[in-house]
C-alpha atoms as a PDB file:
ATOM      1  CA  MET A   1     130.294  32.129 147.830  1.00  0.00           C
ATOM      2  CA  LYS A   2     129.624  35.115 150.142  1.00  0.00           C
ATOM      3  CA  ARG A   3     127.571  32.894 152.451  1.00  0.00           C
ATOM      4  CA  THR A   4     130.361  30.308 152.605  1.00  0.00           C
ATOM      5  CA  LEU A   5     132.908  33.020 153.413  1.00  0.00           C
ATOM      6  CA  SER A   6     130.654  34.352 156.171  1.00  0.00           C
ATOM      7  CA  LEU A   7     130.343  30.906 157.741  1.00  0.00           C
ATOM      8  CA  VAL A   8     134.118  30.472 157.618  1.00  0.00           C
ATOM      9  CA  LEU A   9     134.652  33.829 159.334  1.00  0.00           C
ATOM     10  CA  ILE A  10     132.126  32.948 162.063  1.00  0.00           C
ATOM     11  CA  LEU A  11     133.821  29.588 162.635  1.00  0.00           C
ATOM     12  CA  CYS A  12     137.249  31.241 162.807  1.00  0.00           C
ATOM     13  CA  ALA A  13     135.987  33.769 165.320  1.00  0.00           C
ATOM     14  CA  PHE A  14     134.583  30.961 167.479  1.00  0.00           C
ATOM     15  CA  LEU A  15     137.802  28.970 167.359  1.00  0.00           C
ATOM     16  CA  CYS A  16     139.861  32.038 168.207  1.00  0.00           C
ATOM     17  CA  ALA A  17     137.629  32.733 171.193  1.00  0.00           C
ATOM     18  CA  CYS A  18     138.122  29.178 172.433  1.00  0.00           C
ATOM     19  CA  THR A  19     141.829  28.948 171.811  1.00  0.00           C
ATOM     20  CA  GLY A  20     142.938  32.479 172.595  1.00  0.00           C
ATOM     21  CA  LYS A  21     145.082  33.253 175.614  1.00  0.00           C
ATOM     22  CA  THR A  22     143.120  33.493 178.856  1.00  0.00           C
ATOM     23  CA  GLU A  23     144.003  36.314 181.210  1.00  0.00           C
ATOM     24  CA  PHE A  24     143.628  35.471 184.897  1.00  0.00           C
ATOM     25  CA  SER A  25     143.333  38.292 187.352  1.00  0.00           C
ATOM     26  CA  GLU A  26     144.655  36.144 190.211  1.00  0.00           C
ATOM     27  CA  SER A  27     146.254  32.798 190.907  1.00  0.00           C
ATOM     28  CA  PHE A  28     146.829  31.193 194.289  1.00  0.00           C
ATOM     29  CA  LEU A  29     147.635  27.887 195.939  1.00  0.00           C
ATOM     30  CA  CYS A  30     144.633  26.093 197.420  1.00  0.00           C
ATOM     31  CA  GLY A  31     146.024  22.569 197.780  1.00  0.00           C
ATOM     32  CA  GLU A  32     144.808  19.337 196.253  1.00  0.00           C
ATOM     33  CA  ALA A  33     141.205  18.504 197.146  1.00  0.00           C
ATOM     34  CA  GLU A  34     138.493  15.981 196.325  1.00  0.00           C
ATOM     35  CA  ALA A  35     135.632  18.492 196.079  1.00  0.00           C
ATOM     36  CA  TYR A  36     135.217  22.214 195.385  1.00  0.00           C
ATOM     37  CA  ALA A  37     132.429  24.794 195.533  1.00  0.00           C
ATOM     38  CA  VAL A  38     131.932  28.554 195.430  1.00  0.00           C
ATOM     39  CA  CYS A  39     129.954  30.015 198.329  1.00  0.00           C
ATOM     40  CA  GLU A  40     129.357  33.736 198.357  1.00  0.00           C
ATOM     41  CA  GLU A  41     132.600  34.835 196.638  1.00  0.00           C
ATOM     42  CA  CYS A  42     134.832  32.269 198.368  1.00  0.00           C
ATOM     43  CA  LEU A  43     136.278  28.923 197.275  1.00  0.00           C
ATOM     44  CA  LEU A  44     135.442  25.994 199.566  1.00  0.00           C
ATOM     45  CA  THR A  45     137.620  22.874 199.276  1.00  0.00           C
ATOM     46  CA  ALA A  46     137.272  19.482 200.958  1.00  0.00           C
ATOM     47  CA  SER A  47     139.762  16.640 201.176  1.00  0.00           C
ATOM     48  CA  ALA A  48     140.212  13.647 203.437  1.00  0.00           C
ATOM     49  CA  GLY A  49     141.095  15.229 206.776  1.00  0.00           C
ATOM     50  CA  SER A  50     140.429  18.929 206.117  1.00  0.00           C
ATOM     51  CA  VAL A  51     138.071  21.647 204.885  1.00  0.00           C
ATOM     52  CA  LYS A  52     139.479  24.972 203.711  1.00  0.00           C
ATOM     53  CA  CYS A  53     138.034  28.226 202.438  1.00  0.00           C
ATOM     54  CA  PHE A  54     139.760  30.981 200.430  1.00  0.00           C
ATOM     55  CA  ASP A  55     138.631  34.399 199.309  1.00  0.00           C
ATOM     56  CA  CYS A  56     139.179  35.454 195.690  1.00  0.00           C
ATOM     57  CA  ALA A  57     142.494  37.064 196.625  1.00  0.00           C
ATOM     58  CA  GLY A  58     143.759  33.719 197.877  1.00  0.00           C
ATOM     59  CA  GLU A  59     143.583  34.529 201.577  1.00  0.00           C
ATOM     60  CA  GLN A  60     142.687  31.440 203.606  1.00  0.00           C
ATOM     61  CA  THR A  61     139.643  32.113 205.790  1.00  0.00           C
ATOM     62  CA  LEU A  62     139.001  28.601 207.132  1.00  0.00           C
ATOM     63  CA  ASP A  63     141.026  25.507 208.005  1.00  0.00           C
ATOM     64  CA  CYS A  64     138.906  22.901 209.755  1.00  0.00           C
ATOM     65  CA  GLU A  65     139.449  19.223 210.483  1.00  0.00           C
ATOM     66  CA  LEU A  66     137.344  16.576 208.751  1.00  0.00           C
ATOM     67  CA  GLU A  67     137.302  12.804 209.131  1.00  0.00           C
ATOM     68  CA  VAL A  68     139.904  10.999 207.023  1.00  0.00           C
ATOM     69  CA  LYS A  69     137.298   9.545 204.674  1.00  0.00           C
ATOM     70  CA  PRO A  70     136.152  10.389 201.110  1.00  0.00           C
ATOM     71  CA  ALA A  71     135.323  14.123 201.153  1.00  0.00           C
ATOM     72  CA  ARG A  72     132.275  15.619 199.471  1.00  0.00           C
ATOM     73  CA  ILE A  73     130.538  18.980 199.143  1.00  0.00           C
ATOM     74  CA  ALA A  74     126.823  19.749 198.912  1.00  0.00           C
ATOM     75  CA  LYS A  75     126.023  23.100 197.305  1.00  0.00           C
ATOM     76  CA  ASN A  76     123.074  25.185 196.178  1.00  0.00           C
ATOM     77  CA  GLY A  77     123.219  28.812 195.073  1.00  0.00           C
ATOM     78  CA  LEU A  78     125.373  30.860 197.442  1.00  0.00           C
ATOM     79  CA  SER A  79     125.567  28.112 200.074  1.00  0.00           C
ATOM     80  CA  ALA A  80     127.740  25.019 200.456  1.00  0.00           C
ATOM     81  CA  VAL A  81     128.768  22.537 203.155  1.00  0.00           C
ATOM     82  CA  ALA A  82     131.498  19.900 203.336  1.00  0.00           C
ATOM     83  CA  TYR A  83     131.314  16.410 204.801  1.00  0.00           C
ATOM     84  CA  ALA A  84     132.976  13.005 204.627  1.00  0.00           C
ATOM     85  CA  TYR A  85     131.177   9.901 203.418  1.00  0.00           C
ATOM     86  CA  GLY A  86     130.907   7.685 206.500  1.00  0.00           C
ATOM     87  CA  GLY A  87     131.896  10.571 208.773  1.00  0.00           C
ATOM     88  CA  MET A  88     129.726  12.355 211.330  1.00  0.00           C
ATOM     89  CA  SER A  89     130.530  16.045 210.757  1.00  0.00           C
ATOM     90  CA  ILE A  90     129.059  18.656 208.409  1.00  0.00           C
ATOM     91  CA  VAL A  91     131.268  21.742 208.101  1.00  0.00           C
ATOM     92  CA  PHE A  92     130.040  25.207 207.074  1.00  0.00           C
ATOM     93  CA  PRO A  93     132.236  27.882 205.446  1.00  0.00           C
ATOM     94  CA  ASP A  94     131.973  30.023 208.594  1.00  0.00           C
ATOM     95  CA  GLY A  95     133.475  27.203 210.668  1.00  0.00           C
ATOM     96  CA  GLY A  96     130.185  26.000 212.148  1.00  0.00           C
ATOM     97  CA  VAL A  97     129.748  22.245 212.472  1.00  0.00           C
ATOM     98  CA  ILE A  98     126.746  19.917 212.715  1.00  0.00           C
ATOM     99  CA  GLU A  99     127.523  16.581 214.358  1.00  0.00           C
ATOM    100  CA  THR A 100     125.332  13.639 213.315  1.00  0.00           C
ATOM    101  CA  ASP A 101     124.473  10.576 215.386  1.00  0.00           C
ATOM    102  CA  ASN A 102     125.505   8.063 212.716  1.00  0.00           C
ATOM    103  CA  GLY A 103     127.676   7.771 209.606  1.00  0.00           C
ATOM    104  CA  ILE A 104     126.711  10.088 206.743  1.00  0.00           C
ATOM    105  CA  ARG A 105     125.733   8.620 203.371  1.00  0.00           C
ATOM    106  CA  ASP A 106     124.549  11.729 201.535  1.00  0.00           C
ATOM    107  CA  VAL A 107     123.834  15.437 202.100  1.00  0.00           C
ATOM    108  CA  GLN A 108     121.693  17.711 199.924  1.00  0.00           C
ATOM    109  CA  LEU A 109     121.312  21.469 200.391  1.00  0.00           C
ATOM    110  CA  SER A 110     118.103  23.200 199.284  1.00  0.00           C
ATOM    111  CA  ALA A 111     117.745  26.633 197.725  1.00  0.00           C
ATOM    112  CA  GLY A 112     116.110  27.772 200.961  1.00  0.00           C
ATOM    113  CA  GLY A 113     119.042  26.626 203.097  1.00  0.00           C
ATOM    114  CA  TYR A 114     117.592  23.349 204.420  1.00  0.00           C
ATOM    115  CA  LEU A 115     119.872  20.327 204.744  1.00  0.00           C
ATOM    116  CA  ALA A 116     118.635  16.789 204.072  1.00  0.00           C
ATOM    117  CA  VAL A 117     121.151  14.447 205.707  1.00  0.00           C
ATOM    118  CA  CYS A 118     120.981  10.712 204.983  1.00  0.00           C
ATOM    119  CA  THR A 119     122.760   8.549 207.559  1.00  0.00           C
ATOM    120  CA  GLU A 120     123.044   4.990 208.683  1.00  0.00           C
ATOM    121  CA  GLN A 121     120.466   4.069 211.338  1.00  0.00           C
ATOM    122  CA  PRO A 122     120.675   0.954 213.558  1.00  0.00           C
ATOM    123  CA  GLY A 123     117.621  -1.261 213.017  1.00  0.00           C
ATOM    124  CA  TYR A 124     116.639   0.539 209.789  1.00  0.00           C
ATOM    125  CA  MET A 125     117.781   0.869 206.180  1.00  0.00           C
ATOM    126  CA  GLY A 126     118.803   4.431 206.984  1.00  0.00           C
ATOM    127  CA  SER A 127     117.284   7.727 208.082  1.00  0.00           C
ATOM    128  CA  VAL A 128     116.913  11.310 206.854  1.00  0.00           C
ATOM    129  CA  THR A 129     117.330  14.257 209.202  1.00  0.00           C
ATOM    130  CA  VAL A 130     116.294  17.717 208.014  1.00  0.00           C
ATOM    131  CA  TYR A 131     118.096  20.739 209.445  1.00  0.00           C
ATOM    132  CA  SER A 132     116.638  24.244 209.187  1.00  0.00           C
ATOM    133  CA  PRO A 133     118.599  27.228 207.802  1.00  0.00           C
ATOM    134  CA  GLU A 134     119.309  27.997 211.492  1.00  0.00           C
ATOM    135  CA  ARG A 135     120.987  24.530 211.697  1.00  0.00           C
ATOM    136  CA  GLU A 136     118.351  23.121 214.031  1.00  0.00           C
ATOM    137  CA  ARG A 137     116.853  19.654 213.643  1.00  0.00           C
ATOM    138  CA  ALA A 138     113.444  20.116 212.022  1.00  0.00           C
ATOM    139  CA  TYR A 139     112.368  16.636 210.875  1.00  0.00           C
ATOM    140  CA  LYS A 140     113.444  13.000 210.849  1.00  0.00           C
ATOM    141  CA  TRP A 141     112.279  10.036 208.785  1.00  0.00           C
ATOM    142  CA  TYR A 142     113.292   6.421 209.367  1.00  0.00           C
ATOM    143  CA  CYS A 143     113.577   4.246 206.264  1.00  0.00           C
ATOM    144  CA  ALA A 144     112.402   0.790 207.303  1.00  0.00           C
ATOM    145  CA  SER A 145     112.172  -1.434 204.237  1.00  0.00           C
ATOM    146  CA  GLN A 146     113.911   0.153 201.222  1.00  0.00           C
ATOM    147  CA  ARG A 147     117.514   1.122 200.577  1.00  0.00           C
ATOM    148  CA  LEU A 148     117.905   4.857 201.150  1.00  0.00           C
ATOM    149  CA  VAL A 149     119.836   6.643 198.375  1.00  0.00           C
ATOM    150  CA  SER A 150     119.382  10.402 198.847  1.00  0.00           C
ATOM    151  CA  ALA A 151     116.901  13.081 199.930  1.00  0.00           C
ATOM    152  CA  ALA A 152     116.161  16.743 199.204  1.00  0.00           C
ATOM    153  CA  VAL A 153     113.964  19.482 200.685  1.00  0.00           C
ATOM    154  CA  SER A 154     111.760  21.565 198.381  1.00  0.00           C
ATOM    155  CA  PRO A 155     112.836  25.166 197.638  1.00  0.00           C
ATOM    156  CA  ASP A 156     109.992  26.513 199.787  1.00  0.00           C
ATOM    157  CA  GLY A 157     111.022  24.355 202.745  1.00  0.00           C
ATOM    158  CA  LYS A 158     107.667  22.563 202.987  1.00  0.00           C
ATOM    159  CA  TYR A 159     108.339  19.075 201.628  1.00  0.00           C
ATOM    160  CA  LEU A 160     110.925  16.308 201.812  1.00  0.00           C
ATOM    161  CA  ALA A 161     111.542  13.964 198.891  1.00  0.00           C
ATOM    162  CA  ALA A 162     113.396  10.775 199.839  1.00  0.00           C
ATOM    163  CA  LEU A 163     114.943   8.611 197.124  1.00  0.00           C
ATOM    164  CA  THR A 164     115.076   4.845 197.678  1.00  0.00           C
ATOM    165  CA  ASP A 165     115.896   1.922 195.426  1.00  0.00           C
ATOM    166  CA  GLU A 166     112.182   1.658 194.604  1.00  0.00           C
ATOM    167  CA  GLY A 167     111.421   5.288 193.809  1.00  0.00           C
ATOM    168  CA  ILE A 168     110.545   8.590 195.467  1.00  0.00           C
ATOM    169  CA  ARG A 169     108.679   9.037 198.749  1.00  0.00           C
ATOM    170  CA  LEU A 170     107.221  12.420 199.662  1.00  0.00           C
ATOM    171  CA  PHE A 171     106.548  13.952 203.077  1.00  0.00           C
ATOM    172  CA  SER A 172     105.268  17.254 204.398  1.00  0.00           C
ATOM    173  CA  LEU A 173     107.632  18.646 207.018  1.00  0.00           C
ATOM    174  CA  ASP A 174     104.701  19.400 209.315  1.00  0.00           C
ATOM    175  CA  SER A 175     103.506  15.773 209.418  1.00  0.00           C
ATOM    176  CA  GLU A 176     105.064  12.350 210.048  1.00  0.00           C
ATOM    177  CA  LYS A 177     102.639  10.716 207.609  1.00  0.00           C
ATOM    178  CA  GLU A 178     103.867   9.902 204.109  1.00  0.00           C
ATOM    179  CA  GLN A 179     102.106  12.174 201.645  1.00  0.00           C
ATOM    180  CA  ALA A 180     102.711  10.358 198.347  1.00  0.00           C
ATOM    181  CA  SER A 181     105.112   8.120 196.456  1.00  0.00           C
ATOM    182  CA  PHE A 182     106.342   7.651 192.895  1.00  0.00           C
ATOM    183  CA  SER A 183     107.624   4.280 191.683  1.00  0.00           C
ATOM    184  CA  ALA A 184     110.802   4.179 189.588  1.00  0.00           C
ATOM    185  CA  GLN A 185     113.750   1.854 189.966  1.00  0.00           C
ATOM    186  CA  GLY A 186     117.399   2.510 189.252  1.00  0.00           C
ATOM    187  CA  LEU A 187     117.441   6.192 190.218  1.00  0.00           C
ATOM    188  CA  ARG A 188     120.729   7.532 191.607  1.00  0.00           C
ATOM    189  CA  ALA A 189     120.016  11.216 192.293  1.00  0.00           C
ATOM    190  CA  ILE A 190     117.145  13.507 193.202  1.00  0.00           C
ATOM    191  CA  THR A 191     116.538  17.250 192.845  1.00  0.00           C
ATOM    192  CA  TRP A 192     113.663  19.743 192.833  1.00  0.00           C
ATOM    193  CA  LEU A 193     112.595  21.742 189.768  1.00  0.00           C
ATOM    194  CA  GLY A 194     110.474  24.384 191.444  1.00  0.00           C
ATOM    195  CA  ASP A 195     107.568  22.490 193.028  1.00  0.00           C
ATOM    196  CA  ARG A 196     108.309  19.273 191.111  1.00  0.00           C
ATOM    197  CA  VAL A 197     110.637  16.429 192.024  1.00  0.00           C
ATOM    198  CA  CYS A 198     113.079  14.992 189.501  1.00  0.00           C
ATOM    199  CA  GLY A 199     114.689  11.561 189.834  1.00  0.00           C
ATOM    200  CA  ILE A 200     117.748  10.824 187.680  1.00  0.00           C
ATOM    201  CA  GLY A 201     118.958   7.377 186.655  1.00  0.00           C
ATOM    202  CA  GLU A 202     121.749   6.058 184.449  1.00  0.00           C
ATOM    203  CA  ASN A 203     119.954   6.823 181.163  1.00  0.00           C
ATOM    204  CA  ALA A 204     116.529   8.201 182.119  1.00  0.00           C
ATOM    205  CA  ALA A 205     114.978  10.987 184.172  1.00  0.00           C
ATOM    206  CA  TYR A 206     111.493  11.236 185.703  1.00  0.00           C
ATOM    207  CA  VAL A 207     109.555  14.128 187.181  1.00  0.00           C
ATOM    208  CA  CYS A 208     106.503  14.130 189.459  1.00  0.00           C
ATOM    209  CA  THR A 209     104.518  16.598 191.542  1.00  0.00           C
ATOM    210  CA  ASP A 210     104.680  16.828 195.325  1.00  0.00           C
ATOM    211  CA  LYS A 211     101.537  14.642 195.232  1.00  0.00           C
ATOM    212  CA  GLY A 212     103.370  11.866 193.371  1.00  0.00           C
ATOM    213  CA  LYS A 213     101.688  12.471 189.985  1.00  0.00           C
ATOM    214  CA  SER A 214     103.897  11.846 186.945  1.00  0.00           C
ATOM    215  CA  ARG A 215     104.617  14.928 184.838  1.00  0.00           C
ATOM    216  CA  GLY A 216     107.270  13.694 182.461  1.00  0.00           C
ATOM    217  CA  MET A 217     109.933  11.149 181.552  1.00  0.00           C
ATOM    218  CA  LEU A 218     112.879  11.249 179.187  1.00  0.00           C
ATOM    219  CA  LYS A 219     115.108   8.335 178.147  1.00  0.00           C
ATOM    220  CA  PHE A 220     118.496   8.468 176.468  1.00  0.00           C
ATOM    221  CA  ASP A 221     118.759   4.943 175.062  1.00  0.00           C
ATOM    222  CA  GLY A 222     122.305   3.735 174.571  1.00  0.00           C
ATOM    223  CA  LYS A 223     123.797   6.755 176.359  1.00  0.00           C
ATOM    224  CA  THR A 224     124.608   7.696 179.950  1.00  0.00           C
ATOM    225  CA  ILE A 225     123.471  10.640 182.038  1.00  0.00           C
ATOM    226  CA  GLY A 226     126.403  12.286 183.785  1.00  0.00           C
ATOM    227  CA  LYS A 227     126.615  15.594 185.602  1.00  0.00           C
ATOM    228  CA  PHE A 228     123.616  17.869 186.086  1.00  0.00           C
ATOM    229  CA  GLY A 229     122.571  21.191 187.567  1.00  0.00           C
ATOM    230  CA  VAL A 230     119.429  23.257 188.082  1.00  0.00           C
ATOM    231  CA  LEU A 231     118.669  26.791 186.898  1.00  0.00           C
ATOM    232  CA  ASP A 232     115.320  27.987 188.214  1.00  0.00           C
ATOM    233  CA  LYS A 233     112.941  25.244 187.028  1.00  0.00           C
ATOM    234  CA  LYS A 234     115.216  23.965 184.278  1.00  0.00           C
ATOM    235  CA  LEU A 235     117.354  20.832 184.450  1.00  0.00           C
ATOM    236  CA  ILE A 236     120.792  21.199 182.825  1.00  0.00           C
ATOM    237  CA  ILE A 237     122.016  17.683 182.160  1.00  0.00           C
ATOM    238  CA  GLU A 238     125.052  16.081 180.535  1.00  0.00           C
ATOM    239  CA  VAL A 239     124.490  13.064 178.286  1.00  0.00           C
ATOM    240  CA  ARG A 240     127.560  11.142 177.145  1.00  0.00           C
ATOM    241  CA  GLU A 241     128.410   8.154 175.015  1.00  0.00           C
ATOM    242  CA  HIS A 242     129.106   5.698 177.825  1.00  0.00           C
ATOM    243  CA  ALA A 243     129.519   5.467 181.601  1.00  0.00           C
ATOM    244  CA  SER A 244     133.306   5.800 181.566  1.00  0.00           C
ATOM    245  CA  GLY A 245     133.260   9.048 179.585  1.00  0.00           C
ATOM    246  CA  GLY A 246     133.324  10.078 175.945  1.00  0.00           C
ATOM    247  CA  ALA A 247     132.082  13.123 174.072  1.00  0.00           C
ATOM    248  CA  GLY A 248     128.980  14.642 175.596  1.00  0.00           C
ATOM    249  CA  GLU A 249     126.111  16.998 174.937  1.00  0.00           C
ATOM    250  CA  VAL A 250     124.370  19.231 177.436  1.00  0.00           C
ATOM    251  CA  TYR A 251     120.569  19.278 177.351  1.00  0.00           C
ATOM    252  CA  ILE A 252     118.359  22.040 178.718  1.00  0.00           C
ATOM    253  CA  LEU A 253     115.055  20.565 179.940  1.00  0.00           C
ATOM    254  CA  ASP A 254     111.959  22.255 181.355  1.00  0.00           C
ATOM    255  CA  ASP A 255     110.105  20.966 184.433  1.00  0.00           C
ATOM    256  CA  ASP A 256     108.153  18.531 182.210  1.00  0.00           C
ATOM    257  CA  LEU A 257     111.538  17.176 180.978  1.00  0.00           C
ATOM    258  CA  LYS A 258     110.838  18.475 177.494  1.00  0.00           C
ATOM    259  CA  VAL A 259     113.991  19.429 175.581  1.00  0.00           C
ATOM    260  CA  LYS A 260     114.168  23.229 175.277  1.00  0.00           C
ATOM    261  CA  ASP A 261     117.657  23.346 173.783  1.00  0.00           C
ATOM    262  CA  ARG A 262     120.968  21.530 173.649  1.00  0.00           C
ATOM    263  CA  ILE A 263     124.638  22.465 173.681  1.00  0.00           C
ATOM    264  CA  SER A 264     127.269  20.619 171.656  1.00  0.00           C
ATOM    265  CA  VAL A 265     130.348  21.189 173.793  1.00  0.00           C
ATOM    266  CA  GLY A 266     132.818  19.508 171.440  1.00  0.00           C
ATOM    267  CA  GLY A 267     134.478  17.222 173.954  1.00  0.00           C
ATOM    268  CA  GLU A 268     134.202  15.243 177.165  1.00  0.00           C
ATOM    269  CA  VAL A 269     132.546  17.168 179.991  1.00  0.00           C
ATOM    270  CA  TRP A 270     134.897  17.360 182.971  1.00  0.00           C
ATOM    271  CA  SER A 271     132.716  19.660 185.083  1.00  0.00           C
ATOM    272  CA  LEU A 272     129.406  21.499 184.878  1.00  0.00           C
ATOM    273  CA  ASP A 273     128.360  24.380 187.126  1.00  0.00           C
ATOM    274  CA  CYS A 274     125.141  26.446 187.093  1.00  0.00           C
ATOM    275  CA  ARG A 275     124.612  29.840 188.737  1.00  0.00           C
ATOM    276  CA  ASN A 276     122.611  33.021 188.121  1.00  0.00           C
ATOM    277  CA  GLY A 277     121.154  31.834 184.825  1.00  0.00           C
ATOM    278  CA  LYS A 278     124.562  30.802 183.437  1.00  0.00           C
ATOM    279  CA  THR A 279     126.200  27.423 182.866  1.00  0.00           C
ATOM    280  CA  ALA A 280     129.962  26.792 182.862  1.00  0.00           C
ATOM    281  CA  VAL A 281     131.162  23.656 181.063  1.00  0.00           C
ATOM    282  CA  LEU A 282     134.773  22.490 181.307  1.00  0.00           C
ATOM    283  CA  THR A 283     136.149  20.165 178.615  1.00  0.00           C
ATOM    284  CA  GLN A 284     139.636  19.336 177.401  1.00  0.00           C
ATOM    285  CA  ASN A 285     139.280  22.347 175.082  1.00  0.00           C
ATOM    286  CA  GLY A 286     138.707  24.873 177.869  1.00  0.00           C
ATOM    287  CA  VAL A 287     135.859  26.382 179.863  1.00  0.00           C
ATOM    288  CA  SER A 288     132.790  27.769 178.072  1.00  0.00           C
ATOM    289  CA  VAL A 289     130.055  29.862 179.670  1.00  0.00           C
ATOM    290  CA  TYR A 290     126.527  29.798 178.281  1.00  0.00           C
ATOM    291  CA  ASP A 291     123.303  31.735 178.760  1.00  0.00           C
ATOM    292  CA  GLY A 292     120.864  28.999 177.780  1.00  0.00           C
ATOM    293  CA  ALA A 293     122.462  27.571 174.635  1.00  0.00           C
ATOM    294  CA  LYS A 294     124.075  30.908 173.704  1.00  0.00           C
ATOM    295  CA  LEU A 295     127.859  30.908 174.058  1.00  0.00           C
ATOM    296  CA  LEU A 296     129.024  33.916 176.070  1.00  0.00           C
ATOM    297  CA  SER A 297     132.716  33.143 176.402  1.00  0.00           C
ATOM    298  CA  CYS A 298     135.206  30.367 175.771  1.00  0.00           C
ATOM    299  CA  ARG A 299     138.620  30.371 177.428  1.00  0.00           C
ATOM    300  CA  LYS A 300     141.638  28.157 177.816  1.00  0.00           C
ATOM    301  CA  ALA A 301     141.930  26.435 181.184  1.00  0.00           C
ATOM    302  CA  GLN A 302     145.074  24.339 180.989  1.00  0.00           C
ATOM    303  CA  GLY A 303     145.517  22.180 184.085  1.00  0.00           C
ATOM    304  CA  ALA A 304     141.979  22.792 185.346  1.00  0.00           C
ATOM    305  CA  GLU A 305     139.995  19.893 186.772  1.00  0.00           C
ATOM    306  CA  GLU A 306     136.861  21.881 187.580  1.00  0.00           C
ATOM    307  CA  ALA A 307     135.437  25.290 186.621  1.00  0.00           C
ATOM    308  CA  LEU A 308     133.082  27.158 188.942  1.00  0.00           C
ATOM    309  CA  LEU A 309     131.036  30.336 188.513  1.00  0.00           C
ATOM    310  CA  THR A 310     130.978  33.036 191.157  1.00  0.00           C
ATOM    311  CA  ASP A 311     127.912  35.144 191.884  1.00  0.00           C
ATOM    312  CA  SER A 312     129.551  38.158 190.215  1.00  0.00           C
ATOM    313  CA  GLY A 313     130.187  36.256 186.986  1.00  0.00           C
ATOM    314  CA  GLU A 314     133.856  35.373 187.381  1.00  0.00           C
ATOM    315  CA  ILE A 315     135.220  31.874 186.764  1.00  0.00           C
ATOM    316  CA  ILE A 316     137.316  30.042 189.332  1.00  0.00           C
ATOM    317  CA  ALA A 317     139.245  27.199 187.721  1.00  0.00           C
ATOM    318  CA  VAL A 318     140.896  24.684 190.053  1.00  0.00           C
ATOM    319  CA  GLY A 319     143.395  21.896 189.481  1.00  0.00           C
ATOM    320  CA  GLY A 320     146.786  20.628 190.552  1.00  0.00           C
ATOM    321  CA  GLY A 321     146.526  22.373 193.918  1.00  0.00           C
ATOM    322  CA  ARG A 322     146.102  25.827 192.357  1.00  0.00           C
ATOM    323  CA  ALA A 323     143.144  28.122 191.703  1.00  0.00           C
ATOM    324  CA  TRP A 324     142.868  30.720 188.939  1.00  0.00           C
ATOM    325  CA  VAL A 325     140.320  33.530 189.025  1.00  0.00           C
ATOM    326  CA  THR A 326     139.297  34.803 185.597  1.00  0.00           C
ATOM    327  CA  GLU A 327     137.522  38.122 185.262  1.00  0.00           C
ATOM    328  CA  LYS A 328     134.198  37.932 183.409  1.00  0.00           C
END
């Protein structure tokens, strides 16, 4: 009886934490946008035609033009850039711009500040241009015979992993010769877990070394992989019932893709953000912040479409053209 009462009290405390009133320290208008990211302590937004940046007090620090095409943001750690799919401009939060030679298909930002920019390329299936943290062109690879999907530079800035419709191709940034390859079809995204490369498909993930040697594979039969993030060498990945949505779980995987833990979020995952060892998950029930699988906080976030963590531990919730900053 005592044990049952204890469990009831714990459950009540959890529900109260998740349904209690959330106090926001600030609220400001940021406008409707297609993509959001936190860089340093600022909110970066991108929409067809414009890129804007706001500090946590709501002061606008950037208003830059962007092509009137689908807007996207590439982010990693404290850094983020905005671009338009099919456009030819990459916009930085400080107002700097990189102009590409051809239409952009995908941009990935490494932990070390390198950009891997996939573009169209006349006479080829696409190309990848690597830009250094100083925004200088450092490397270019032409994809001749396979459909180019994405690319990412290793955290140490030494290697490029290019994702095609036939798998992963690996290059050293100090050589034009292909270093290794890893065959796997149906992959849609690529990321680095330390010195290992991870390819993510609709219901499976694969990991290999920078020499192309397999180090793990995990399948989720009958389910769909959704959003994902990286914390150190861990992959934080959402797995849901079907492609169009449904209740999801968040898995914490090591760099061998072995399951270290899982989080039952109790709803459909609307957004997932990882920073400084923490994970923020937004569902219809609110935004929850975790340290591993341990719940740290759970707050209401009515009207929010995405929840982002700042470097200082605050939450910025955005939706409906407004941003709310919640103290940690």
